[in-house]
Amino acid sequence: MSAIDWLRLWKVVSDQFLLGYESLHGPAHWRRVERNGLLLATRTGADVAVVQLFAVFHDSRRESEGSDLEHGERGAKLAMKMRGKYFEVKDAAFDKLVHACTWHTTQRHHSDPTIGTCYDADRLDLGRVAIIPHPDFMNTEFGREIAKMGSIQPFLPRSRF
């Protein structure tokens, strides 16, 4: 498997995003989902490449800031188009990515640690829309621990500045 050129992938996906960089569901949100997912993966054992790909694709095809229940499926389809050209992962990992993107809005829980980590990573950024994540909606023990604190900030590495 070849290495993923993350900078190129982020640029290509971000450049086609319809709602713009300042969107509540745009690239800044995707970066926080990536950060959240990478932190969660330190304890959940999630497939890190899937978590990072989820961050890029899960909201990439939103057409509105409001209700847009098909956006996850459209994001999964974009990942399908870009697989083999901009990134490659094994079939089992790709199946998890497609599932996580497609169902992240409507499926409450999933037992797979990678899919659950993806869901939690997204839900832990609900503060951007004034919603405090609730532990009952988290899939992983670490996600529930963070939600109980009411903020991910205590779990992030401290800056020296």
C-alpha atoms as a PDB file:
ATOM      1  CA  MET A   1       0.000   0.000   0.000  1.00  0.00           C
ATOM      2  CA  SER A   2       1.345   3.398  -0.914  1.00  0.00           C
ATOM      3  CA  ALA A   3       1.531   6.333   1.447  1.00  0.00           C
ATOM      4  CA  ILE A   4      -1.273   8.884   1.302  1.00  0.00           C
ATOM      5  CA  ASP A   5      -0.360  12.405   0.228  1.00  0.00           C
ATOM      6  CA  TRP A   6      -2.533  14.041   2.889  1.00  0.00           C
ATOM      7  CA  LEU A   7      -1.823  17.626   1.830  1.00  0.00           C
ATOM      8  CA  ARG A   8      -2.879  16.906  -1.742  1.00  0.00           C
ATOM      9  CA  LEU A   9      -5.986  14.998  -0.652  1.00  0.00           C
ATOM     10  CA  TRP A  10      -7.094  17.749   1.748  1.00  0.00           C
ATOM     11  CA  LYS A  11      -6.590  20.394  -0.943  1.00  0.00           C
ATOM     12  CA  VAL A  12      -8.515  18.508  -3.618  1.00  0.00           C
ATOM     13  CA  VAL A  13     -11.443  17.760  -1.318  1.00  0.00           C
ATOM     14  CA  SER A  14     -11.488  21.228   0.270  1.00  0.00           C
ATOM     15  CA  ASP A  15     -11.368  22.973  -3.115  1.00  0.00           C
ATOM     16  CA  GLN A  16     -14.548  21.220  -4.289  1.00  0.00           C
ATOM     17  CA  PHE A  17     -16.511  21.867  -1.060  1.00  0.00           C
ATOM     18  CA  LEU A  18     -19.648  23.829  -1.984  1.00  0.00           C
ATOM     19  CA  LEU A  19     -20.221  25.692   1.292  1.00  0.00           C
ATOM     20  CA  GLY A  20     -16.774  27.293   1.526  1.00  0.00           C
ATOM     21  CA  TYR A  21     -13.977  27.295   4.045  1.00  0.00           C
ATOM     22  CA  GLU A  22     -15.946  29.244   6.665  1.00  0.00           C
ATOM     23  CA  SER A  23     -18.804  26.719   6.769  1.00  0.00           C
ATOM     24  CA  LEU A  24     -19.752  25.136  10.097  1.00  0.00           C
ATOM     25  CA  HIS A  25     -19.301  21.820   8.289  1.00  0.00           C
ATOM     26  CA  GLY A  26     -16.184  22.798   6.341  1.00  0.00           C
ATOM     27  CA  PRO A  27     -12.457  22.120   6.461  1.00  0.00           C
ATOM     28  CA  ALA A  28     -11.887  23.665   9.909  1.00  0.00           C
ATOM     29  CA  HIS A  29     -14.479  21.228  11.295  1.00  0.00           C
ATOM     30  CA  TRP A  30     -12.842  18.362   9.377  1.00  0.00           C
ATOM     31  CA  ARG A  31      -9.487  19.209  10.986  1.00  0.00           C
ATOM     32  CA  ARG A  32     -11.028  19.123  14.475  1.00  0.00           C
ATOM     33  CA  VAL A  33     -12.669  15.789  13.652  1.00  0.00           C
ATOM     34  CA  GLU A  34      -9.253  14.521  12.566  1.00  0.00           C
ATOM     35  CA  ARG A  35      -7.665  15.772  15.803  1.00  0.00           C
ATOM     36  CA  ASN A  36     -10.450  14.224  17.870  1.00  0.00           C
ATOM     37  CA  GLY A  37     -10.216  10.939  16.012  1.00  0.00           C
ATOM     38  CA  LEU A  38      -6.450  10.694  16.352  1.00  0.00           C
ATOM     39  CA  LEU A  39      -6.743  11.352  20.075  1.00  0.00           C
ATOM     40  CA  LEU A  40      -9.502   8.760  20.466  1.00  0.00           C
ATOM     41  CA  ALA A  41      -7.540   6.206  18.427  1.00  0.00           C
ATOM     42  CA  THR A  42      -4.750   6.260  21.024  1.00  0.00           C
ATOM     43  CA  ARG A  43      -7.127   4.291  23.262  1.00  0.00           C
ATOM     44  CA  THR A  44      -9.695   2.710  20.935  1.00  0.00           C
ATOM     45  CA  GLY A  45      -7.365   0.867  18.576  1.00  0.00           C
ATOM     46  CA  ALA A  46      -9.140   2.378  15.567  1.00  0.00           C
ATOM     47  CA  ASP A  47      -7.571   2.242  12.116  1.00  0.00           C
ATOM     48  CA  VAL A  48      -5.931   5.667  11.980  1.00  0.00           C
ATOM     49  CA  ALA A  49      -6.005   5.927   8.171  1.00  0.00           C
ATOM     50  CA  VAL A  50      -9.773   5.304   8.156  1.00  0.00           C
ATOM     51  CA  VAL A  51     -10.271   7.891  10.913  1.00  0.00           C
ATOM     52  CA  GLN A  52      -8.282  10.476   8.956  1.00  0.00           C
ATOM     53  CA  LEU A  53     -10.070   9.681   5.691  1.00  0.00           C
ATOM     54  CA  PHE A  54     -13.407   9.941   7.496  1.00  0.00           C
ATOM     55  CA  ALA A  55     -12.443  13.408   8.721  1.00  0.00           C
ATOM     56  CA  VAL A  56     -11.796  14.510   5.139  1.00  0.00           C
ATOM     57  CA  PHE A  57     -14.846  12.962   3.477  1.00  0.00           C
ATOM     58  CA  HIS A  58     -17.691  12.773   6.016  1.00  0.00           C
ATOM     59  CA  ASP A  59     -19.091  16.296   5.420  1.00  0.00           C
ATOM     60  CA  SER A  60     -17.291  17.020   2.145  1.00  0.00           C
ATOM     61  CA  ARG A  61     -20.434  16.865   0.026  1.00  0.00           C
ATOM     62  CA  ARG A  62     -22.804  18.870   2.178  1.00  0.00           C
ATOM     63  CA  GLU A  63     -25.109  21.099   0.188  1.00  0.00           C
ATOM     64  CA  SER A  64     -26.528  23.020   3.144  1.00  0.00           C
ATOM     65  CA  GLU A  65     -25.721  23.942   6.723  1.00  0.00           C
ATOM     66  CA  GLY A  66     -29.128  22.618   7.784  1.00  0.00           C
ATOM     67  CA  SER A  67     -30.699  19.221   7.318  1.00  0.00           C
ATOM     68  CA  ASP A  68     -28.971  17.299   4.543  1.00  0.00           C
ATOM     69  CA  LEU A  69     -29.419  13.630   5.365  1.00  0.00           C
ATOM     70  CA  GLU A  70     -27.778  12.351   2.159  1.00  0.00           C
ATOM     71  CA  HIS A  71     -24.517  14.273   2.599  1.00  0.00           C
ATOM     72  CA  GLY A  72     -22.713  11.335   4.205  1.00  0.00           C
ATOM     73  CA  GLU A  73     -23.582   9.013   1.357  1.00  0.00           C
ATOM     74  CA  ARG A  74     -22.419  11.647  -1.141  1.00  0.00           C
ATOM     75  CA  GLY A  75     -19.154  11.962   0.827  1.00  0.00           C
ATOM     76  CA  ALA A  76     -18.719   8.181   0.658  1.00  0.00           C
ATOM     77  CA  LYS A  77     -19.288   8.287  -3.103  1.00  0.00           C
ATOM     78  CA  LEU A  78     -16.634  10.994  -3.433  1.00  0.00           C
ATOM     79  CA  ALA A  79     -14.233   8.734  -1.524  1.00  0.00           C
ATOM     80  CA  MET A  80     -15.084   5.931  -3.959  1.00  0.00           C
ATOM     81  CA  LYS A  81     -14.208   8.194  -6.901  1.00  0.00           C
ATOM     82  CA  MET A  82     -10.930   9.295  -5.326  1.00  0.00           C
ATOM     83  CA  ARG A  83      -9.758   5.876  -4.136  1.00  0.00           C
ATOM     84  CA  GLY A  84      -6.901   4.658  -6.274  1.00  0.00           C
ATOM     85  CA  LYS A  85      -6.099   8.154  -7.504  1.00  0.00           C
ATOM     86  CA  TYR A  86      -5.549  10.145  -4.310  1.00  0.00           C
ATOM     87  CA  PHE A  87      -5.382   7.398  -1.691  1.00  0.00           C
ATOM     88  CA  GLU A  88      -5.475   3.649  -1.255  1.00  0.00           C
ATOM     89  CA  VAL A  89      -6.545   1.447   1.634  1.00  0.00           C
ATOM     90  CA  LYS A  90      -7.414  -2.223   1.858  1.00  0.00           C
ATOM     91  CA  ASP A  91     -10.982  -3.271   1.058  1.00  0.00           C
ATOM     92  CA  ALA A  92     -11.975  -3.967   4.680  1.00  0.00           C
ATOM     93  CA  ALA A  93     -10.755  -0.527   5.768  1.00  0.00           C
ATOM     94  CA  PHE A  94     -12.492   1.125   2.833  1.00  0.00           C
ATOM     95  CA  ASP A  95     -15.760  -0.620   3.715  1.00  0.00           C
ATOM     96  CA  LYS A  96     -15.520   0.884   7.216  1.00  0.00           C
ATOM     97  CA  LEU A  97     -14.868   4.333   5.753  1.00  0.00           C
ATOM     98  CA  VAL A  98     -17.890   4.080   3.458  1.00  0.00           C
ATOM     99  CA  HIS A  99     -20.110   2.906   6.326  1.00  0.00           C
ATOM    100  CA  ALA A 100     -18.906   5.620   8.708  1.00  0.00           C
ATOM    101  CA  CYS A 101     -19.387   8.393   6.145  1.00  0.00           C
ATOM    102  CA  THR A 102     -22.792   7.131   5.028  1.00  0.00           C
ATOM    103  CA  TRP A 103     -24.294   6.634   8.477  1.00  0.00           C
ATOM    104  CA  HIS A 104     -22.497   9.114  10.771  1.00  0.00           C
ATOM    105  CA  THR A 105     -25.548  11.372  11.060  1.00  0.00           C
ATOM    106  CA  THR A 106     -28.323   8.814  11.424  1.00  0.00           C
ATOM    107  CA  GLN A 107     -26.773   5.793  13.173  1.00  0.00           C
ATOM    108  CA  ARG A 108     -26.444   6.291  16.914  1.00  0.00           C
ATOM    109  CA  HIS A 109     -24.018   3.475  17.751  1.00  0.00           C
ATOM    110  CA  HIS A 110     -21.728   0.987  16.072  1.00  0.00           C
ATOM    111  CA  SER A 111     -19.751  -1.792  17.750  1.00  0.00           C
ATOM    112  CA  ASP A 112     -16.736  -1.592  15.421  1.00  0.00           C
ATOM    113  CA  PRO A 113     -13.988   0.426  17.173  1.00  0.00           C
ATOM    114  CA  THR A 114     -12.966   2.252  13.991  1.00  0.00           C
ATOM    115  CA  ILE A 115     -16.492   3.237  12.971  1.00  0.00           C
ATOM    116  CA  GLY A 116     -17.338   4.154  16.576  1.00  0.00           C
ATOM    117  CA  THR A 117     -14.209   6.300  16.773  1.00  0.00           C
ATOM    118  CA  CYS A 118     -15.244   8.113  13.582  1.00  0.00           C
ATOM    119  CA  TYR A 119     -18.708   8.811  14.983  1.00  0.00           C
ATOM    120  CA  ASP A 120     -17.307  10.034  18.308  1.00  0.00           C
ATOM    121  CA  ALA A 121     -14.683  12.221  16.619  1.00  0.00           C
ATOM    122  CA  ASP A 122     -17.440  14.065  14.753  1.00  0.00           C
ATOM    123  CA  ARG A 123     -19.789  14.298  17.733  1.00  0.00           C
ATOM    124  CA  LEU A 124     -17.065  15.690  19.964  1.00  0.00           C
ATOM    125  CA  ASP A 125     -17.058  18.785  17.728  1.00  0.00           C
ATOM    126  CA  LEU A 126     -20.741  19.562  18.265  1.00  0.00           C
ATOM    127  CA  GLY A 127     -19.717  22.523  20.406  1.00  0.00           C
ATOM    128  CA  ARG A 128     -19.297  24.460  17.145  1.00  0.00           C
ATOM    129  CA  VAL A 129     -23.115  24.473  16.909  1.00  0.00           C
ATOM    130  CA  ALA A 130     -23.687  25.042  20.658  1.00  0.00           C
ATOM    131  CA  ILE A 131     -24.390  21.381  21.491  1.00  0.00           C
ATOM    132  CA  ILE A 132     -22.509  19.686  24.311  1.00  0.00           C
ATOM    133  CA  PRO A 133     -21.917  16.034  23.377  1.00  0.00           C
ATOM    134  CA  HIS A 134     -23.754  13.606  25.647  1.00  0.00           C
ATOM    135  CA  PRO A 135     -22.035  10.417  26.852  1.00  0.00           C
ATOM    136  CA  ASP A 136     -25.041   8.302  25.789  1.00  0.00           C
ATOM    137  CA  PHE A 137     -24.366   9.207  22.156  1.00  0.00           C
ATOM    138  CA  MET A 138     -20.709   8.194  22.284  1.00  0.00           C
ATOM    139  CA  ASN A 139     -19.544   4.836  20.966  1.00  0.00           C
ATOM    140  CA  THR A 140     -16.243   4.429  22.763  1.00  0.00           C
ATOM    141  CA  GLU A 141     -15.354   4.459  26.428  1.00  0.00           C
ATOM    142  CA  PHE A 142     -12.868   7.264  25.796  1.00  0.00           C
ATOM    143  CA  GLY A 143     -15.525   9.236  23.908  1.00  0.00           C
ATOM    144  CA  ARG A 144     -17.871   8.860  26.884  1.00  0.00           C
ATOM    145  CA  GLU A 145     -15.104   9.963  29.250  1.00  0.00           C
ATOM    146  CA  ILE A 146     -14.495  13.112  27.201  1.00  0.00           C
ATOM    147  CA  ALA A 147     -18.227  13.841  26.892  1.00  0.00           C
ATOM    148  CA  LYS A 148     -18.638  13.520  30.671  1.00  0.00           C
ATOM    149  CA  MET A 149     -16.002  16.241  31.088  1.00  0.00           C
ATOM    150  CA  GLY A 150     -18.013  18.503  28.764  1.00  0.00           C
ATOM    151  CA  SER A 151     -14.933  19.438  26.728  1.00  0.00           C
ATOM    152  CA  ILE A 152     -12.098  17.781  24.870  1.00  0.00           C
ATOM    153  CA  GLN A 153      -9.683  20.512  25.984  1.00  0.00           C
ATOM    154  CA  PRO A 154      -8.422  18.751  29.165  1.00  0.00           C
ATOM    155  CA  PHE A 155      -7.374  15.764  27.027  1.00  0.00           C
ATOM    156  CA  LEU A 156      -5.375  17.715  24.443  1.00  0.00           C
ATOM    157  CA  PRO A 157      -1.620  18.202  24.747  1.00  0.00           C
ATOM    158  CA  ARG A 158      -0.784  21.505  26.356  1.00  0.00           C
ATOM    159  CA  SER A 159       0.905  24.095  24.197  1.00  0.00           C
ATOM    160  CA  ARG A 160       4.158  25.591  25.421  1.00  0.00           C
ATOM    161  CA  PHE A 161       3.006  29.007  24.231  1.00  0.00           C
END
